[in-house]
Amino acid sequence: MKRARERRRGLYVTAFVCLASAAAFTWGMAGLADRVDEQQAQTLERAIERAVVTCYALEGQYPPTLDYIRDNYGVVIDQERYDVFYDVFAQNVMPSVTVARRGDAP
């Protein structure tokens, strides 16, 4: 009788440890995915800024639209995952570029 009780107790402890490990792993992976997504957004923002500067160096003016950058400088934007805010003030003033994950505020 005592042996069966100890065996059940061991099973409960093992089950608890397994569940706790699975929960910690899931929580860690979710955090990792968020960090990777944020890094991808930053990489996209830097790529757009490099294309803007390249356009200015080659053409003497900043790109008028985000579509112009996509069409002429090969920047690929995943519009399902990111919102890109491209604010042009004047042709001779560098535009403001902000990339935000969908659902985040800029």
N, C-alpha and C. Protein backbone atom coordinates (compact mmCIF):
# COMPACT_ATOMS: atom_id res chain seq x y z
N MET A 1 0.81 -1.19 0.00
CA MET A 1 0.00 0.00 0.00
C MET A 1 0.86 1.26 0.00
N LYS A 2 1.85 1.27 0.86
CA LYS A 2 2.74 2.41 0.96
C LYS A 2 3.53 2.58 -0.34
N ARG A 3 3.92 1.47 -0.92
CA ARG A 3 4.70 1.50 -2.15
C ARG A 3 3.85 2.09 -3.31
N ALA A 4 2.59 1.75 -3.39
CA ALA A 4 1.70 2.27 -4.43
C ALA A 4 1.52 3.78 -4.25
N ARG A 5 1.43 4.24 -3.02
CA ARG A 5 1.27 5.66 -2.73
C ARG A 5 2.54 6.42 -3.17
N GLU A 6 3.71 5.87 -2.90
CA GLU A 6 4.96 6.50 -3.30
C GLU A 6 5.09 6.54 -4.82
N ARG A 7 4.63 5.48 -5.47
CA ARG A 7 4.69 5.42 -6.92
C ARG A 7 3.79 6.50 -7.53
N ARG A 8 2.57 6.66 -6.99
CA ARG A 8 1.66 7.70 -7.47
C ARG A 8 2.25 9.09 -7.23
N ARG A 9 2.84 9.26 -6.08
CA ARG A 9 3.45 10.55 -5.76
C ARG A 9 4.58 10.85 -6.75
N GLY A 10 5.36 9.84 -7.09
CA GLY A 10 6.42 10.02 -8.08
C GLY A 10 5.87 10.39 -9.45
N LEU A 11 4.75 9.76 -9.82
CA LEU A 11 4.12 10.09 -11.10
C LEU A 11 3.60 11.52 -11.11
N TYR A 12 3.03 11.97 -10.01
CA TYR A 12 2.53 13.34 -9.91
C TYR A 12 3.68 14.34 -10.03
N VAL A 13 4.77 14.06 -9.35
CA VAL A 13 5.93 14.94 -9.42
C VAL A 13 6.48 14.99 -10.84
N THR A 14 6.59 13.83 -11.48
CA THR A 14 7.08 13.77 -12.85
C THR A 14 6.16 14.53 -13.79
N ALA A 15 4.87 14.35 -13.64
CA ALA A 15 3.90 15.05 -14.49
C ALA A 15 4.00 16.55 -14.28
N PHE A 16 4.14 16.99 -13.04
CA PHE A 16 4.26 18.41 -12.74
C PHE A 16 5.52 18.99 -13.37
N VAL A 17 6.63 18.29 -13.25
CA VAL A 17 7.89 18.76 -13.82
C VAL A 17 7.78 18.85 -15.34
N CYS A 18 7.17 17.86 -15.96
CA CYS A 18 6.99 17.88 -17.42
C CYS A 18 6.10 19.05 -17.86
N LEU A 19 5.01 19.27 -17.16
CA LEU A 19 4.12 20.37 -17.50
C LEU A 19 4.80 21.73 -17.29
N ALA A 20 5.54 21.86 -16.20
CA ALA A 20 6.24 23.11 -15.93
C ALA A 20 7.31 23.36 -17.00
N SER A 21 8.01 22.31 -17.40
CA SER A 21 9.03 22.44 -18.45
C SER A 21 8.39 22.84 -19.77
N ALA A 22 7.27 22.23 -20.12
CA ALA A 22 6.58 22.55 -21.36
C ALA A 22 6.09 24.00 -21.35
N ALA A 23 5.56 24.45 -20.22
CA ALA A 23 5.09 25.83 -20.11
C ALA A 23 6.25 26.81 -20.24
N ALA A 24 7.36 26.52 -19.59
CA ALA A 24 8.54 27.40 -19.68
C ALA A 24 9.07 27.45 -21.11
N PHE A 25 9.10 26.32 -21.78
CA PHE A 25 9.57 26.26 -23.17
C PHE A 25 8.66 27.09 -24.08
N THR A 26 7.35 26.93 -23.92
CA THR A 26 6.39 27.67 -24.74
C THR A 26 6.52 29.16 -24.50
N TRP A 27 6.65 29.57 -23.26
CA TRP A 27 6.81 30.98 -22.92
C TRP A 27 8.09 31.54 -23.52
N GLY A 28 9.16 30.78 -23.44
CA GLY A 28 10.44 31.21 -24.00
C GLY A 28 10.39 31.34 -25.51
N MET A 29 9.75 30.41 -26.18
CA MET A 29 9.64 30.46 -27.64
C MET A 29 8.79 31.65 -28.09
N ALA A 30 7.75 31.97 -27.35
CA ALA A 30 6.92 33.13 -27.70
C ALA A 30 7.73 34.41 -27.58
N GLY A 31 8.52 34.52 -26.55
CA GLY A 31 9.38 35.69 -26.38
C GLY A 31 10.43 35.78 -27.48
N LEU A 32 10.98 34.66 -27.87
CA LEU A 32 11.97 34.62 -28.93
C LEU A 32 11.35 35.05 -30.26
N ALA A 33 10.15 34.59 -30.54
CA ALA A 33 9.47 34.96 -31.78
C ALA A 33 9.21 36.46 -31.83
N ASP A 34 8.84 37.06 -30.70
CA ASP A 34 8.62 38.51 -30.66
C ASP A 34 9.91 39.27 -30.94
N ARG A 35 11.01 38.81 -30.35
CA ARG A 35 12.30 39.48 -30.58
C ARG A 35 12.74 39.35 -32.03
N VAL A 36 12.55 38.20 -32.63
CA VAL A 36 12.92 38.00 -34.03
C VAL A 36 12.08 38.90 -34.93
N ASP A 37 10.79 38.98 -34.65
CA ASP A 37 9.90 39.82 -35.45
C ASP A 37 10.29 41.29 -35.34
N GLU A 38 10.66 41.73 -34.14
CA GLU A 38 11.10 43.11 -33.94
C GLU A 38 12.40 43.38 -34.70
N GLN A 39 13.32 42.43 -34.69
CA GLN A 39 14.57 42.59 -35.44
C GLN A 39 14.30 42.66 -36.94
N GLN A 40 13.36 41.87 -37.41
CA GLN A 40 13.02 41.92 -38.84
C GLN A 40 12.43 43.28 -39.21
N ALA A 41 11.62 43.85 -38.33
CA ALA A 41 11.06 45.18 -38.59
C ALA A 41 12.17 46.22 -38.65
N GLN A 42 13.14 46.13 -37.75
CA GLN A 42 14.27 47.06 -37.76
C GLN A 42 15.12 46.89 -39.02
N THR A 43 15.32 45.66 -39.44
CA THR A 43 16.08 45.39 -40.66
C THR A 43 15.37 45.97 -41.88
N LEU A 44 14.07 45.83 -41.94
CA LEU A 44 13.29 46.40 -43.04
C LEU A 44 13.41 47.92 -43.04
N GLU A 45 13.33 48.53 -41.87
CA GLU A 45 13.43 49.98 -41.77
C GLU A 45 14.80 50.45 -42.27
N ARG A 46 15.87 49.75 -41.87
CA ARG A 46 17.22 50.12 -42.33
C ARG A 46 17.36 49.93 -43.84
N ALA A 47 16.75 48.88 -44.39
CA ALA A 47 16.82 48.64 -45.83
C ALA A 47 16.13 49.76 -46.60
N ILE A 48 14.99 50.21 -46.11
CA ILE A 48 14.28 51.31 -46.76
C ILE A 48 15.11 52.59 -46.68
N GLU A 49 15.71 52.85 -45.51
CA GLU A 49 16.53 54.05 -45.35
C GLU A 49 17.75 54.01 -46.28
N ARG A 50 18.37 52.83 -46.43
CA ARG A 50 19.51 52.71 -47.35
C ARG A 50 19.07 52.97 -48.79
N ALA A 51 17.90 52.47 -49.16
CA ALA A 51 17.39 52.70 -50.51
C ALA A 51 17.09 54.18 -50.73
N VAL A 52 16.58 54.85 -49.71
CA VAL A 52 16.30 56.29 -49.80
C VAL A 52 17.59 57.07 -50.04
N VAL A 53 18.63 56.74 -49.28
CA VAL A 53 19.91 57.44 -49.42
C VAL A 53 20.54 57.12 -50.78
N THR A 54 20.45 55.87 -51.21
CA THR A 54 20.99 55.49 -52.52
C THR A 54 20.27 56.25 -53.63
N CYS A 55 18.98 56.35 -53.54
CA CYS A 55 18.20 57.10 -54.53
C CYS A 55 18.66 58.55 -54.58
N TYR A 56 18.87 59.15 -53.42
CA TYR A 56 19.31 60.55 -53.38
C TYR A 56 20.69 60.69 -54.01
N ALA A 57 21.57 59.74 -53.73
CA ALA A 57 22.93 59.80 -54.29
C ALA A 57 22.91 59.64 -55.81
N LEU A 58 22.05 58.78 -56.32
CA LEU A 58 22.01 58.52 -57.75
C LEU A 58 21.18 59.52 -58.54
N GLU A 59 20.07 59.96 -57.96
CA GLU A 59 19.11 60.77 -58.71
C GLU A 59 19.06 62.22 -58.28
N GLY A 60 19.66 62.56 -57.14
CA GLY A 60 19.67 63.94 -56.69
C GLY A 60 18.41 64.37 -55.96
N GLN A 61 17.51 63.45 -55.72
CA GLN A 61 16.31 63.75 -54.93
C GLN A 61 15.87 62.47 -54.22
N TYR A 62 15.14 62.67 -53.13
CA TYR A 62 14.64 61.53 -52.38
C TYR A 62 13.44 60.92 -53.10
N PRO A 63 13.21 59.64 -52.91
CA PRO A 63 12.07 58.99 -53.59
C PRO A 63 10.75 59.62 -53.16
N PRO A 64 9.85 59.86 -54.11
CA PRO A 64 8.58 60.51 -53.77
C PRO A 64 7.61 59.61 -53.01
N THR A 65 7.69 58.30 -53.25
CA THR A 65 6.74 57.37 -52.60
C THR A 65 7.44 56.08 -52.23
N LEU A 66 6.79 55.33 -51.39
CA LEU A 66 7.28 54.01 -51.02
C LEU A 66 7.22 53.06 -52.20
N ASP A 67 6.21 53.20 -53.05
CA ASP A 67 6.12 52.37 -54.25
C ASP A 67 7.32 52.59 -55.17
N TYR A 68 7.80 53.81 -55.25
CA TYR A 68 8.97 54.11 -56.06
C TYR A 68 10.19 53.34 -55.56
N ILE A 69 10.34 53.26 -54.26
CA ILE A 69 11.45 52.50 -53.66
C ILE A 69 11.30 51.02 -54.00
N ARG A 70 10.11 50.50 -53.84
CA ARG A 70 9.86 49.08 -54.15
C ARG A 70 10.16 48.77 -55.61
N ASP A 71 9.66 49.62 -56.51
CA ASP A 71 9.79 49.37 -57.94
C ASP A 71 11.21 49.53 -58.46
N ASN A 72 11.94 50.52 -57.93
CA ASN A 72 13.25 50.86 -58.50
C ASN A 72 14.44 50.40 -57.68
N TYR A 73 14.24 50.04 -56.42
CA TYR A 73 15.38 49.69 -55.58
C TYR A 73 15.25 48.31 -54.94
N GLY A 74 14.24 47.57 -55.31
CA GLY A 74 14.13 46.16 -54.92
C GLY A 74 13.85 45.87 -53.47
N VAL A 75 13.33 46.83 -52.74
CA VAL A 75 12.97 46.58 -51.34
C VAL A 75 11.65 45.82 -51.31
N VAL A 76 11.64 44.70 -50.62
CA VAL A 76 10.44 43.87 -50.51
C VAL A 76 9.84 44.07 -49.13
N ILE A 77 8.56 44.40 -49.10
CA ILE A 77 7.86 44.68 -47.85
C ILE A 77 6.73 43.68 -47.69
N ASP A 78 6.73 42.95 -46.59
CA ASP A 78 5.65 42.02 -46.29
C ASP A 78 4.52 42.83 -45.64
N GLN A 79 3.56 43.22 -46.47
CA GLN A 79 2.49 44.11 -45.99
C GLN A 79 1.49 43.41 -45.08
N GLU A 80 1.55 42.09 -45.02
CA GLU A 80 0.67 41.38 -44.09
C GLU A 80 1.23 41.43 -42.67
N ARG A 81 2.54 41.62 -42.54
CA ARG A 81 3.17 41.62 -41.22
C ARG A 81 3.55 43.01 -40.73
N TYR A 82 3.81 43.95 -41.67
CA TYR A 82 4.34 45.26 -41.29
C TYR A 82 3.56 46.39 -41.93
N ASP A 83 3.43 47.47 -41.18
CA ASP A 83 2.94 48.74 -41.71
C ASP A 83 4.15 49.64 -41.86
N VAL A 84 4.29 50.28 -43.02
CA VAL A 84 5.40 51.18 -43.25
C VAL A 84 4.83 52.58 -43.43
N PHE A 85 5.34 53.50 -42.63
CA PHE A 85 4.93 54.90 -42.70
C PHE A 85 6.07 55.69 -43.33
N TYR A 86 5.80 56.24 -44.52
CA TYR A 86 6.81 56.95 -45.30
C TYR A 86 6.31 58.38 -45.46
N ASP A 87 6.93 59.30 -44.74
CA ASP A 87 6.46 60.68 -44.69
C ASP A 87 7.45 61.59 -45.42
N VAL A 88 7.01 62.14 -46.56
CA VAL A 88 7.85 63.02 -47.37
C VAL A 88 7.49 64.47 -47.05
N PHE A 89 8.50 65.26 -46.74
CA PHE A 89 8.29 66.68 -46.47
C PHE A 89 8.61 67.51 -47.72
N ALA A 90 9.77 67.24 -48.33
CA ALA A 90 10.19 67.92 -49.55
C ALA A 90 11.19 67.02 -50.27
N GLN A 91 11.45 67.31 -51.54
CA GLN A 91 12.36 66.48 -52.32
C GLN A 91 13.79 66.51 -51.81
N ASN A 92 14.17 67.61 -51.14
CA ASN A 92 15.54 67.73 -50.67
C ASN A 92 15.69 67.48 -49.16
N VAL A 93 14.65 66.97 -48.54
CA VAL A 93 14.68 66.63 -47.10
C VAL A 93 14.41 65.13 -46.98
N MET A 94 15.29 64.45 -46.24
CA MET A 94 15.15 63.00 -46.12
C MET A 94 13.80 62.65 -45.49
N PRO A 95 13.06 61.76 -46.13
CA PRO A 95 11.75 61.35 -45.59
C PRO A 95 11.90 60.59 -44.28
N SER A 96 10.86 60.64 -43.51
CA SER A 96 10.79 59.88 -42.26
C SER A 96 10.26 58.49 -42.58
N VAL A 97 10.97 57.46 -42.07
CA VAL A 97 10.56 56.08 -42.31
C VAL A 97 10.32 55.41 -40.97
N THR A 98 9.14 54.82 -40.80
CA THR A 98 8.82 54.07 -39.59
C THR A 98 8.19 52.76 -40.01
N VAL A 99 8.72 51.66 -39.46
CA VAL A 99 8.17 50.34 -39.72
C VAL A 99 7.61 49.81 -38.40
N ALA A 100 6.37 49.37 -38.44
CA ALA A 100 5.72 48.82 -37.23
C ALA A 100 5.08 47.49 -37.58
N ARG A 101 5.15 46.59 -36.63
CA ARG A 101 4.45 45.31 -36.82
C ARG A 101 2.96 45.60 -36.86
N ARG A 102 2.23 44.84 -37.64
CA ARG A 102 0.79 45.02 -37.73
C ARG A 102 0.18 44.96 -36.34
N GLY A 103 -0.65 45.93 -36.02
CA GLY A 103 -1.30 45.97 -34.73
C GLY A 103 -0.56 46.82 -33.73
N ASP A 104 0.73 47.15 -33.97
CA ASP A 104 1.48 48.03 -33.08
C ASP A 104 1.29 49.47 -33.52
N ALA A 105 1.39 50.39 -32.60
CA ALA A 105 1.32 51.82 -32.94
C ALA A 105 2.70 52.26 -33.44
N PRO A 106 2.75 53.19 -34.40
CA PRO A 106 4.05 53.66 -34.91
C PRO A 106 4.82 54.46 -33.90
